[in-house]
Every structure is written in C-alpha cells, then in structure tokens.
C-alpha cells in the first residue's frame, strides 16, 4: 500500500468519525429538544450562544455530508 493510499484511508476514517459524531449530536439533540426540552453536545453549546433551533438540523446535515465524503473516499476507483 502506498503512502498516498494510507493517507486517504486515515483521512476517510477521520471524516467518518466526525461525521458520525455530528450526525448523532445534531439530529439527536433536535429529537431530545422536541421531546424532552433539553439538548446536548455541540447543539447545546450553540443554543446557549443564541443560535436558532434549526441549527441542530444543520449540524446533523453536516454529519451526513461528512459520512458521504468518507464513503466516497473509501470506495474503490475504477481504473481507466
């Protein structure tokens, strides 16, 4: 395995990790806020800073985008 392939694999692993964390924090906080009037994680910090309620969904969407980028980076490329 070349050093470039190792770098791509570790980068996609970090993207997947951060994507999963943001996905859970964003959408999970939105669910707990609507059901139990409490928030947690990144979204709670943003709420305390005065951000609107829809920011939770944006954090979750960013997590989805990072997971998609990680999946694309890990997918095998077809050689021409």
Protein backbone atom coordinates (compact mmCIF):
# COMPACT_ATOMS: atom_id res chain seq x y z
CA UNK A 1 0.00 0.00 0.00
CA UNK A 2 1.41 3.37 -0.97
CA UNK A 3 1.70 6.27 1.42
CA UNK A 4 -0.98 8.14 -0.55
CA UNK A 5 -3.43 5.25 -0.09
CA UNK A 6 -2.67 5.12 3.64
CA UNK A 7 -3.25 8.87 3.92
CA UNK A 8 -6.57 8.59 2.08
CA UNK A 9 -7.66 5.74 4.33
CA UNK A 10 -6.84 7.62 7.54
CA UNK A 11 -8.49 10.78 6.22
CA UNK A 12 -11.66 8.91 5.34
CA UNK A 13 -11.61 7.32 8.78
CA UNK A 14 -11.46 10.74 10.43
CA UNK A 15 -14.23 12.02 8.18
CA UNK A 16 -16.38 9.06 9.15
CA UNK A 17 -15.69 9.61 12.85
CA UNK A 18 -16.50 13.31 12.79
CA UNK A 19 -19.49 12.66 10.54
CA UNK A 20 -20.95 10.10 12.95
CA UNK A 21 -20.39 12.39 15.94
CA UNK A 22 -22.05 15.36 14.25
CA UNK A 23 -24.90 13.22 12.94
CA UNK A 24 -25.72 11.92 16.42
CA UNK A 25 -25.17 15.27 18.12
CA UNK A 26 -27.23 17.25 15.61
CA UNK A 27 -30.23 15.02 15.00
CA UNK A 28 -30.13 13.52 18.50
CA UNK A 29 -30.18 16.94 20.08
CA UNK A 30 -33.07 18.01 17.86
CA UNK A 31 -35.06 14.94 18.94
CA UNK A 32 -34.33 15.41 22.63
CA UNK A 33 -35.11 19.10 22.41
CA UNK A 34 -38.51 18.46 20.85
CA UNK A 35 -39.38 15.55 23.14
CA UNK A 36 -37.85 16.46 26.49
CA UNK A 37 -36.94 20.16 26.24
CA UNK A 38 -33.24 19.50 26.67
CA UNK A 39 -30.27 19.49 24.29
CA UNK A 40 -26.76 18.12 24.45
CA UNK A 41 -23.35 18.37 22.86
CA UNK A 42 -22.43 20.81 20.14
CA UNK A 43 -26.03 21.84 19.63
CA UNK A 44 -26.47 22.69 23.30
CA UNK A 45 -23.44 24.97 23.15
CA UNK A 46 -24.82 26.63 20.02
CA UNK A 47 -28.24 27.05 21.64
CA UNK A 48 -26.70 28.68 24.72
CA UNK A 49 -24.83 31.04 22.40
CA UNK A 50 -28.18 32.17 20.98
CA UNK A 51 -28.36 30.13 17.78
CA UNK A 52 -31.83 29.30 16.42
CA UNK A 53 -33.39 25.84 16.85
CA UNK A 54 -32.80 24.80 13.23
CA UNK A 55 -29.03 24.78 13.83
CA UNK A 56 -29.43 21.27 15.29
CA UNK A 57 -30.60 20.04 11.91
CA UNK A 58 -27.74 21.82 10.15
CA UNK A 59 -25.22 20.08 12.45
CA UNK A 60 -26.85 16.73 11.62
CA UNK A 61 -26.80 17.51 7.89
CA UNK A 62 -23.09 18.39 8.07
CA UNK A 63 -22.57 15.00 9.71
CA UNK A 64 -24.38 13.32 6.81
CA UNK A 65 -22.21 15.19 4.32
CA UNK A 66 -19.03 14.11 6.10
CA UNK A 67 -20.18 10.49 6.14
CA UNK A 68 -20.91 10.69 2.41
CA UNK A 69 -17.46 12.17 1.76
CA UNK A 70 -15.86 9.38 3.81
CA UNK A 71 -17.79 6.72 1.90
CA UNK A 72 -16.74 8.26 -1.41
CA UNK A 73 -13.09 8.39 -0.33
CA UNK A 74 -13.16 4.72 0.68
CA UNK A 75 -14.90 3.47 -2.46
CA UNK A 76 -12.63 1.74 -4.97
CA UNK A 77 -11.92 3.76 -8.06
CA UNK A 78 -12.26 2.15 -11.45
CA UNK A 79 -9.05 2.20 -13.42
CA UNK A 80 -9.42 3.51 -17.00
